[in-house]
Amino acid sequence: MPSENKLPNKFKVSRLTVGQGISQLVRKGFLIRKRIEGTFVTTNTNFVNSFGLEFIGFMDDLFYQVSRSKTKSAKMTRMIAPKTIKDKLKLDDGEDEVIKIERLRFLRDKPFAYTINYLPIEIGEKSM
């Protein structure tokens, strides 16, 4: 995996944030640190056993597992966009509303992911 010095620039976060994140992943068994050699991804048997999954690659495997998940709970609401969302979606002045979609996804009958998406009105209304 890339060094802790390269990750802050890549993800636009502080070095402290990267260090804390890596430390948590080491504690949970997802990463292992080897002096001089670096930090490496491991197989976390607790995660693998709880879902019966094995991630060999990274993003490809994650997207494959998400594609097999089922949404058992979804809620769509029309709302006034918070400033951060309005900025991220580059909404024009006067475009204050968005569609907020909350989903709870399950994989093998266990909660797997909770997502929140914000869509501009013209796109979100097509989904309602």
C-alpha atoms as a PDB file:
ATOM      1  CA  MET A   1       0.000   0.000   0.000  1.00  0.00           C
ATOM      2  CA  PRO A   2       1.250   3.573  -0.557  1.00  0.00           C
ATOM      3  CA  SER A   3       3.316   5.133   2.205  1.00  0.00           C
ATOM      4  CA  GLU A   4       1.715   7.305   4.874  1.00  0.00           C
ATOM      5  CA  ASN A   5       3.565  10.265   3.341  1.00  0.00           C
ATOM      6  CA  LYS A   6       1.816   9.871  -0.043  1.00  0.00           C
ATOM      7  CA  LEU A   7      -1.749   9.224   1.157  1.00  0.00           C
ATOM      8  CA  PRO A   8      -2.545  12.722   2.527  1.00  0.00           C
ATOM      9  CA  ASN A   9      -1.924  14.318  -0.883  1.00  0.00           C
ATOM     10  CA  LYS A  10      -3.814  11.619  -2.747  1.00  0.00           C
ATOM     11  CA  PHE A  11      -6.944  11.906  -0.593  1.00  0.00           C
ATOM     12  CA  LYS A  12      -6.617  15.598   0.355  1.00  0.00           C
ATOM     13  CA  VAL A  13      -6.609  14.906   4.101  1.00  0.00           C
ATOM     14  CA  SER A  14      -4.151  15.614   6.896  1.00  0.00           C
ATOM     15  CA  ARG A  15      -1.293  13.284   7.745  1.00  0.00           C
ATOM     16  CA  LEU A  16      -2.787  12.876  11.223  1.00  0.00           C
ATOM     17  CA  THR A  17      -6.057  11.632   9.694  1.00  0.00           C
ATOM     18  CA  VAL A  18      -4.180   9.105   7.572  1.00  0.00           C
ATOM     19  CA  GLY A  19      -2.188   7.906  10.577  1.00  0.00           C
ATOM     20  CA  GLN A  20      -5.310   7.466  12.692  1.00  0.00           C
ATOM     21  CA  GLY A  21      -7.115   5.640   9.895  1.00  0.00           C
ATOM     22  CA  ILE A  22      -4.220   3.274   9.307  1.00  0.00           C
ATOM     23  CA  SER A  23      -3.889   2.619  13.042  1.00  0.00           C
ATOM     24  CA  GLN A  24      -7.571   1.669  13.234  1.00  0.00           C
ATOM     25  CA  LEU A  25      -7.228  -0.644  10.251  1.00  0.00           C
ATOM     26  CA  VAL A  26      -4.192  -2.270  11.875  1.00  0.00           C
ATOM     27  CA  ARG A  27      -6.102  -2.744  15.167  1.00  0.00           C
ATOM     28  CA  LYS A  28      -9.021  -4.323  13.303  1.00  0.00           C
ATOM     29  CA  GLY A  29      -6.697  -6.654  11.411  1.00  0.00           C
ATOM     30  CA  PHE A  30      -7.169  -5.248   7.897  1.00  0.00           C
ATOM     31  CA  LEU A  31      -3.577  -3.998   7.671  1.00  0.00           C
ATOM     32  CA  ILE A  32      -0.272  -5.136   9.085  1.00  0.00           C
ATOM     33  CA  ARG A  33       2.777  -2.934   9.601  1.00  0.00           C
ATOM     34  CA  LYS A  34       6.245  -4.349   9.022  1.00  0.00           C
ATOM     35  CA  ARG A  35       9.176  -2.236  10.116  1.00  0.00           C
ATOM     36  CA  ILE A  36      11.226  -0.981   7.159  1.00  0.00           C
ATOM     37  CA  GLU A  37       9.079  -2.950   4.659  1.00  0.00           C
ATOM     38  CA  GLY A  38       5.851  -0.944   4.942  1.00  0.00           C
ATOM     39  CA  THR A  39       2.142  -1.472   5.518  1.00  0.00           C
ATOM     40  CA  PHE A  40       0.317  -4.352   3.873  1.00  0.00           C
ATOM     41  CA  VAL A  41      -3.297  -5.472   3.424  1.00  0.00           C
ATOM     42  CA  THR A  42      -4.225  -8.668   5.258  1.00  0.00           C
ATOM     43  CA  THR A  43      -7.234 -10.943   5.264  1.00  0.00           C
ATOM     44  CA  ASN A  44      -9.379 -10.071   8.252  1.00  0.00           C
ATOM     45  CA  THR A  45     -10.972 -13.406   9.142  1.00  0.00           C
ATOM     46  CA  ASN A  46     -13.616 -11.789  11.391  1.00  0.00           C
ATOM     47  CA  PHE A  47     -14.960  -9.750   8.484  1.00  0.00           C
ATOM     48  CA  VAL A  48     -14.641 -12.612   6.028  1.00  0.00           C
ATOM     49  CA  ASN A  49     -16.411 -15.041   8.374  1.00  0.00           C
ATOM     50  CA  SER A  50     -19.218 -12.682   9.346  1.00  0.00           C
ATOM     51  CA  PHE A  51     -20.298 -12.222   5.726  1.00  0.00           C
ATOM     52  CA  GLY A  52     -18.832 -15.356   4.170  1.00  0.00           C
ATOM     53  CA  LEU A  53     -16.890 -13.113   1.792  1.00  0.00           C
ATOM     54  CA  GLU A  54     -13.308 -12.863   0.753  1.00  0.00           C
ATOM     55  CA  PHE A  55     -11.988  -9.681  -0.791  1.00  0.00           C
ATOM     56  CA  ILE A  56      -9.004 -10.500  -2.942  1.00  0.00           C
ATOM     57  CA  GLY A  57      -8.724  -7.315  -4.989  1.00  0.00           C
ATOM     58  CA  PHE A  58     -10.162  -4.141  -3.638  1.00  0.00           C
ATOM     59  CA  MET A  59     -12.568  -1.954  -5.564  1.00  0.00           C
ATOM     60  CA  ASP A  60     -13.615  -4.606  -8.104  1.00  0.00           C
ATOM     61  CA  ASP A  61     -14.496  -7.046  -5.344  1.00  0.00           C
ATOM     62  CA  LEU A  62     -16.274  -4.375  -3.322  1.00  0.00           C
ATOM     63  CA  PHE A  63     -18.401  -3.317  -6.314  1.00  0.00           C
ATOM     64  CA  TYR A  64     -19.184  -6.973  -7.041  1.00  0.00           C
ATOM     65  CA  GLN A  65     -20.408  -7.533  -3.465  1.00  0.00           C
ATOM     66  CA  VAL A  66     -22.450  -4.312  -3.496  1.00  0.00           C
ATOM     67  CA  SER A  67     -24.068  -5.438  -6.764  1.00  0.00           C
ATOM     68  CA  ARG A  68     -25.253  -8.568  -4.918  1.00  0.00           C
ATOM     69  CA  SER A  69     -26.705  -6.580  -2.021  1.00  0.00           C
ATOM     70  CA  LYS A  70     -30.421  -5.926  -1.599  1.00  0.00           C
ATOM     71  CA  THR A  71     -31.986  -2.650  -0.575  1.00  0.00           C
ATOM     72  CA  LYS A  72     -34.546  -3.382   2.126  1.00  0.00           C
ATOM     73  CA  SER A  73     -35.137   0.183   3.220  1.00  0.00           C
ATOM     74  CA  ALA A  74     -35.202   3.328   1.091  1.00  0.00           C
ATOM     75  CA  LYS A  75     -36.550   6.781   1.839  1.00  0.00           C
ATOM     76  CA  MET A  76     -36.761   9.686  -0.594  1.00  0.00           C
ATOM     77  CA  THR A  77     -37.470  13.204   0.582  1.00  0.00           C
ATOM     78  CA  ARG A  78     -37.524  16.605  -1.040  1.00  0.00           C
ATOM     79  CA  MET A  79     -35.612  19.116   1.071  1.00  0.00           C
ATOM     80  CA  ILE A  80     -33.748  22.421   1.137  1.00  0.00           C
ATOM     81  CA  ALA A  81     -30.119  21.628   0.321  1.00  0.00           C
ATOM     82  CA  PRO A  82     -27.522  22.342   3.004  1.00  0.00           C
ATOM     83  CA  LYS A  83     -24.873  24.784   1.758  1.00  0.00           C
ATOM     84  CA  THR A  84     -22.221  22.052   1.441  1.00  0.00           C
ATOM     85  CA  ILE A  85     -24.510  19.945  -0.761  1.00  0.00           C
ATOM     86  CA  LYS A  86     -25.550  22.958  -2.818  1.00  0.00           C
ATOM     87  CA  ASP A  87     -21.873  23.778  -3.407  1.00  0.00           C
ATOM     88  CA  LYS A  88     -20.924  20.188  -4.282  1.00  0.00           C
ATOM     89  CA  LEU A  89     -23.798  19.876  -6.767  1.00  0.00           C
ATOM     90  CA  LYS A  90     -22.955  23.329  -8.150  1.00  0.00           C
ATOM     91  CA  LEU A  91     -26.598  24.396  -7.927  1.00  0.00           C
ATOM     92  CA  ASP A  92     -27.427  27.820  -9.330  1.00  0.00           C
ATOM     93  CA  ASP A  93     -28.835  30.634  -7.202  1.00  0.00           C
ATOM     94  CA  GLY A  94     -32.507  29.945  -6.689  1.00  0.00           C
ATOM     95  CA  GLU A  95     -32.004  26.180  -6.913  1.00  0.00           C
ATOM     96  CA  ASP A  96     -32.373  25.418  -3.240  1.00  0.00           C
ATOM     97  CA  GLU A  97     -34.124  22.051  -3.223  1.00  0.00           C
ATOM     98  CA  VAL A  98     -32.716  18.571  -3.718  1.00  0.00           C
ATOM     99  CA  ILE A  99     -33.963  15.016  -3.451  1.00  0.00           C
ATOM    100  CA  LYS A 100     -32.353  13.127  -0.561  1.00  0.00           C
ATOM    101  CA  ILE A 101     -32.261   9.329  -0.890  1.00  0.00           C
ATOM    102  CA  GLU A 102     -31.387   7.178   2.118  1.00  0.00           C
ATOM    103  CA  ARG A 103     -30.800   3.453   1.594  1.00  0.00           C
ATOM    104  CA  LEU A 104     -30.051   0.553   3.902  1.00  0.00           C
ATOM    105  CA  ARG A 105     -28.506  -2.336   1.972  1.00  0.00           C
ATOM    106  CA  PHE A 106     -28.245  -5.919   3.139  1.00  0.00           C
ATOM    107  CA  LEU A 107     -25.914  -8.686   2.039  1.00  0.00           C
ATOM    108  CA  ARG A 108     -26.937 -12.188   3.032  1.00  0.00           C
ATOM    109  CA  ASP A 109     -29.583 -10.774   5.387  1.00  0.00           C
ATOM    110  CA  LYS A 110     -27.075  -8.645   7.329  1.00  0.00           C
ATOM    111  CA  PRO A 111     -26.842  -4.840   7.176  1.00  0.00           C
ATOM    112  CA  PHE A 112     -23.992  -4.053   4.802  1.00  0.00           C
ATOM    113  CA  ALA A 113     -24.173  -0.361   3.851  1.00  0.00           C
ATOM    114  CA  TYR A 114     -26.096   2.799   4.675  1.00  0.00           C
ATOM    115  CA  THR A 115     -25.949   5.454   1.970  1.00  0.00           C
ATOM    116  CA  ILE A 116     -27.278   8.966   1.556  1.00  0.00           C
ATOM    117  CA  ASN A 117     -27.425  10.515  -1.913  1.00  0.00           C
ATOM    118  CA  TYR A 118     -28.460  14.035  -2.873  1.00  0.00           C
ATOM    119  CA  LEU A 119     -29.785  14.642  -6.377  1.00  0.00           C
ATOM    120  CA  PRO A 120     -30.688  17.884  -8.133  1.00  0.00           C
ATOM    121  CA  ILE A 121     -34.485  18.212  -8.421  1.00  0.00           C
ATOM    122  CA  GLU A 122     -34.595  17.661 -12.204  1.00  0.00           C
ATOM    123  CA  ILE A 123     -32.845  14.304 -11.804  1.00  0.00           C
ATOM    124  CA  GLY A 124     -34.353  13.250  -8.471  1.00  0.00           C
ATOM    125  CA  GLU A 125     -37.963  13.847  -9.482  1.00  0.00           C
ATOM    126  CA  LYS A 126     -37.578  11.238 -12.240  1.00  0.00           C
ATOM    127  CA  SER A 127     -36.890   8.680  -9.494  1.00  0.00           C
ATOM    128  CA  MET A 128     -39.956   9.558  -7.402  1.00  0.00           C
END
